[in-house]
């Protein structure tokens, strides 16, 4: 399982450098930037002590949708309660959520918003689930790079040493299930603007590997039935 850290609209170069340093200390190597402001900037390199290789291999994308093109499962991070999602997942529970998916996902992304306002509702809607870091006080909020290091630490069991122990690459069954579900719901003209539509996909996002196999079998038969 490969985990990529995505920063959306970061405006402070030092936070980009600090984030690169943060993920490297926890064994990760993949960083992507969406519409970064004031970057590239040498200030990022000054902060990314010993992590210039991460910055050099960091890709830039015009939109979050573009950055998520090859991602099987994405996790948005937010300090604010948003109406676009019903379920908010404690960052400490993410390892268990990912672990139970086993071979169903290959490429995972943790998505962070910019320093000023975080992720928009539209950006959160593009992710499979949303998570939060519990804080004793609402303000002052966590710095962007501080959030990155906390997530990287909590998910460090999935970093490079862990990946090397895997004998086979995951199959990416989760994304196949989501695509089939979307196709089936389109065929029966299920309204995308209904309250239940996004809720269905939120629940599908929490299925284990065994449950994903079960739902895939059902959706496959349903799709064939619809096509008849």
Protein backbone atom coordinates (compact mmCIF):
# COMPACT_ATOMS: atom_id res chain seq x y z
CA UNK A 1 0.00 0.00 0.00
CA UNK A 2 1.44 3.35 -1.08
CA UNK A 3 0.46 6.49 0.82
CA UNK A 4 0.71 9.91 -0.83
CA UNK A 5 0.38 13.19 1.07
CA UNK A 6 -1.42 15.92 -0.88
CA UNK A 7 -1.31 19.60 0.08
CA UNK A 8 -4.07 21.69 -1.55
CA UNK A 9 -3.42 25.41 -2.04
CA UNK A 10 -0.47 25.66 0.38
CA UNK A 11 0.61 29.30 0.64
CA UNK A 12 3.67 29.15 2.90
CA UNK A 13 6.80 27.62 1.31
CA UNK A 14 8.19 26.73 4.73
CA UNK A 15 5.17 24.51 5.38
CA UNK A 16 5.87 22.61 2.17
CA UNK A 17 9.47 22.05 3.21
CA UNK A 18 8.48 21.07 6.75
CA UNK A 19 5.89 18.64 5.39
CA UNK A 20 8.51 17.00 3.17
CA UNK A 21 10.76 16.61 6.19
CA UNK A 22 7.87 15.28 8.29
CA UNK A 23 6.85 12.49 5.92
CA UNK A 24 10.44 11.42 5.32
CA UNK A 25 11.09 10.98 9.04
CA UNK A 26 8.18 8.51 9.11
CA UNK A 27 9.37 6.53 6.09
CA UNK A 28 7.15 8.04 3.38
CA UNK A 29 8.34 9.52 0.08
CA UNK A 30 5.29 10.69 -1.89
CA UNK A 31 4.20 14.34 -1.76
CA UNK A 32 1.92 16.18 -4.19
CA UNK A 33 0.97 19.86 -4.34
CA UNK A 34 -2.26 21.26 -5.76
CA UNK A 35 -2.05 24.85 -6.96
CA UNK A 36 0.72 25.88 -4.53
CA UNK A 37 1.23 29.58 -3.91
CA UNK A 38 4.74 31.11 -3.83
CA UNK A 39 6.38 27.86 -4.91
CA UNK A 40 8.98 26.81 -5.82
CA UNK A 41 10.83 28.89 -3.26
CA UNK A 42 14.22 28.39 -1.66
CA UNK A 43 12.60 28.83 1.77
CA UNK A 44 11.01 25.39 1.38
CA UNK A 45 14.43 23.86 0.80
CA UNK A 46 15.87 25.57 3.88
CA UNK A 47 13.26 23.95 6.10
CA UNK A 48 13.33 20.55 4.40
CA UNK A 49 16.59 19.61 6.10
CA UNK A 50 17.77 16.26 4.73
CA UNK A 51 14.59 15.94 2.66
CA UNK A 52 15.42 17.74 -0.56
CA UNK A 53 14.90 14.47 -2.44
CA UNK A 54 11.23 14.57 -1.41
CA UNK A 55 10.84 18.12 -2.76
CA UNK A 56 12.66 17.27 -5.97
CA UNK A 57 10.23 14.43 -6.65
CA UNK A 58 7.13 16.34 -5.58
CA UNK A 59 4.57 16.69 -8.38
CA UNK A 60 2.35 19.74 -8.91
CA UNK A 61 -1.27 19.57 -10.07
CA UNK A 62 -3.80 22.24 -11.14
CA UNK A 63 -6.71 20.64 -9.28
CA UNK A 64 -7.35 18.04 -6.58
CA UNK A 65 -9.23 15.95 -9.12
CA UNK A 66 -6.06 15.75 -11.21
CA UNK A 67 -3.94 14.83 -8.18
CA UNK A 68 -6.33 11.99 -7.31
CA UNK A 69 -6.41 10.40 -10.77
CA UNK A 70 -4.41 7.29 -9.80
CA UNK A 71 -5.55 7.13 -6.15
CA UNK A 72 -7.76 4.24 -5.02
CA UNK A 73 -8.78 5.60 -1.63
CA UNK A 74 -8.53 9.19 -0.38
CA UNK A 75 -8.86 10.63 3.12
CA UNK A 76 -9.61 14.32 3.66
CA UNK A 77 -8.39 16.03 6.82
CA UNK A 78 -10.36 18.83 8.43
CA UNK A 79 -10.51 20.59 11.78
CA UNK A 80 -14.04 21.86 11.07
CA UNK A 81 -17.33 20.01 10.98
CA UNK A 82 -18.62 20.08 7.40
CA UNK A 83 -22.16 19.40 6.22
CA UNK A 84 -20.85 17.57 3.15
CA UNK A 85 -20.09 14.49 5.30
CA UNK A 86 -21.98 12.69 8.05
CA UNK A 87 -19.14 10.56 9.43
CA UNK A 88 -15.93 12.03 10.82
CA UNK A 89 -13.15 9.58 11.62
CA UNK A 90 -10.61 10.02 14.39
CA UNK A 91 -7.14 10.13 12.81
CA UNK A 92 -6.07 7.44 15.27
CA UNK A 93 -8.55 5.01 13.69
CA UNK A 94 -7.28 5.37 10.11
CA UNK A 95 -4.72 2.57 10.36
CA UNK A 96 -7.46 0.11 11.30
CA UNK A 97 -9.70 1.34 8.46
CA UNK A 98 -6.89 0.87 5.93
CA UNK A 99 -5.69 -2.43 7.38
CA UNK A 100 -9.06 -4.11 7.01
CA UNK A 101 -9.11 -3.31 3.30
CA UNK A 102 -6.06 -5.52 2.72
CA UNK A 103 -5.75 -6.14 -1.04
CA UNK A 104 -8.69 -3.94 -1.99
CA UNK A 105 -6.66 -0.74 -2.26
CA UNK A 106 -3.19 0.04 -3.56
CA UNK A 107 -2.73 3.82 -3.66
CA UNK A 108 -3.98 5.91 -0.73
CA UNK A 109 -3.92 9.71 -0.37
CA UNK A 110 -4.13 11.88 2.74
CA UNK A 111 -5.41 15.30 1.66
CA UNK A 112 -4.73 18.56 3.53
CA UNK A 113 -6.16 22.01 2.86
CA UNK A 114 -4.33 25.33 2.77
CA UNK A 115 -3.32 27.38 5.78
CA UNK A 116 -6.14 29.90 5.57
CA UNK A 117 -9.37 27.95 5.22
CA UNK A 118 -8.51 24.27 4.77
CA UNK A 119 -10.33 22.11 2.23
CA UNK A 120 -13.51 23.35 0.57
CA UNK A 121 -16.72 21.31 0.67
CA UNK A 122 -16.22 20.49 -3.01
CA UNK A 123 -12.73 19.15 -2.34
CA UNK A 124 -13.90 17.10 0.65
CA UNK A 125 -16.64 15.61 -1.53
CA UNK A 126 -13.95 14.27 -3.87
CA UNK A 127 -12.46 12.19 -1.06
CA UNK A 128 -13.80 8.87 0.21
CA UNK A 129 -13.84 9.71 3.91
CA UNK A 130 -12.98 12.64 6.17
CA UNK A 131 -10.87 12.56 9.33
CA UNK A 132 -9.87 14.88 12.15
CA UNK A 133 -7.25 15.32 14.85
CA UNK A 134 -8.95 15.86 18.21
CA UNK A 135 -7.86 19.04 20.00
CA UNK A 136 -8.55 20.23 23.53
CA UNK A 137 -9.06 23.76 22.27
CA UNK A 138 -10.38 25.06 18.96
CA UNK A 139 -7.79 27.82 18.75
CA UNK A 140 -4.96 28.08 18.06
CA UNK A 141 -5.35 25.47 15.32
CA UNK A 142 -2.60 23.12 14.21
CA UNK A 143 -0.04 24.31 11.69
CA UNK A 144 -0.30 22.52 8.31
CA UNK A 145 3.05 20.73 8.67
CA UNK A 146 2.16 19.74 12.24
CA UNK A 147 -0.97 18.02 10.95
CA UNK A 148 1.10 16.25 8.30
CA UNK A 149 3.58 14.87 10.84
CA UNK A 150 0.77 13.62 13.09
CA UNK A 151 -0.91 11.74 10.24
CA UNK A 152 2.44 10.40 9.05
CA UNK A 153 3.22 9.13 12.55
CA UNK A 154 -0.20 7.50 12.97
CA UNK A 155 0.15 5.78 9.58
CA UNK A 156 3.83 4.90 9.85
CA UNK A 157 3.03 1.16 9.87
CA UNK A 158 2.27 1.59 6.15
CA UNK A 159 5.55 3.33 5.30
CA UNK A 160 8.40 1.99 3.16
CA UNK A 161 9.65 -0.83 5.46
CA UNK A 162 6.10 -2.19 5.71
CA UNK A 163 5.54 -2.04 1.95
CA UNK A 164 8.73 -3.97 1.23
CA UNK A 165 7.42 -6.92 3.25
CA UNK A 166 4.42 -7.33 0.96
CA UNK A 167 4.71 -10.21 -1.49
CA UNK A 168 2.12 -9.00 -3.97
CA UNK A 169 0.66 -5.66 -4.94
CA UNK A 170 -2.96 -4.98 -3.91
CA UNK A 171 -5.64 -5.45 -6.55
CA UNK A 172 -7.47 -2.13 -6.26
CA UNK A 173 -10.89 -3.77 -5.83
CA UNK A 174 -12.28 -0.87 -3.83
CA UNK A 175 -12.19 1.59 -6.73
CA UNK A 176 -13.72 -1.03 -9.01
CA UNK A 177 -16.59 -1.41 -6.53
CA UNK A 178 -17.15 2.36 -6.40
CA UNK A 179 -17.14 2.65 -10.18
CA UNK A 180 -19.64 -0.21 -10.52
CA UNK A 181 -21.87 1.32 -7.85
CA UNK A 182 -21.87 4.68 -9.64
CA UNK A 183 -22.64 3.01 -12.97
CA UNK A 184 -25.49 0.95 -11.50
CA UNK A 185 -27.03 3.96 -9.79
CA UNK A 186 -26.81 5.97 -13.01
CA UNK A 187 -28.58 3.17 -14.86
CA UNK A 188 -31.51 3.19 -12.46
CA UNK A 189 -31.49 7.02 -12.50
CA UNK A 190 -30.74 7.39 -8.81
CA UNK A 191 -30.62 11.12 -8.12
CA UNK A 192 -27.13 12.33 -7.30
CA UNK A 193 -28.47 15.40 -5.54
CA UNK A 194 -30.47 13.32 -3.05
CA UNK A 195 -29.31 13.19 0.57
CA UNK A 196 -28.90 9.43 0.50
CA UNK A 197 -26.59 9.30 -2.57
CA UNK A 198 -23.38 10.54 -0.89
CA UNK A 199 -24.33 8.68 2.28
CA UNK A 200 -24.27 5.35 0.42
CA UNK A 201 -20.71 5.97 -0.73
CA UNK A 202 -19.62 7.01 2.75
CA UNK A 203 -20.75 3.63 4.05
CA UNK A 204 -19.19 1.75 1.15
CA UNK A 205 -15.89 3.44 2.01
CA UNK A 206 -15.81 1.64 5.37
CA UNK A 207 -16.25 -1.91 4.05
CA UNK A 208 -13.62 -4.52 4.79
CA UNK A 209 -11.89 -6.57 2.09
CA UNK A 210 -14.33 -9.48 2.54
CA UNK A 211 -17.34 -7.17 2.34
CA UNK A 212 -15.95 -5.47 -0.75
CA UNK A 213 -15.67 -8.86 -2.45
CA UNK A 214 -19.30 -9.56 -1.53
CA UNK A 215 -20.59 -6.22 -2.81
CA UNK A 216 -18.52 -6.57 -5.99
CA UNK A 217 -20.18 -9.92 -6.72
CA UNK A 218 -23.62 -8.39 -6.19
CA UNK A 219 -22.89 -5.31 -8.32
CA UNK A 220 -21.44 -7.44 -11.09
CA UNK A 221 -24.64 -9.51 -11.28
CA UNK A 222 -26.79 -6.37 -11.00
CA UNK A 223 -24.91 -4.69 -13.83
CA UNK A 224 -25.35 -7.71 -16.10
CA UNK A 225 -29.04 -7.82 -15.24
CA UNK A 226 -29.47 -4.13 -16.07
CA UNK A 227 -27.69 -4.57 -19.40
CA UNK A 228 -30.00 -7.38 -20.51
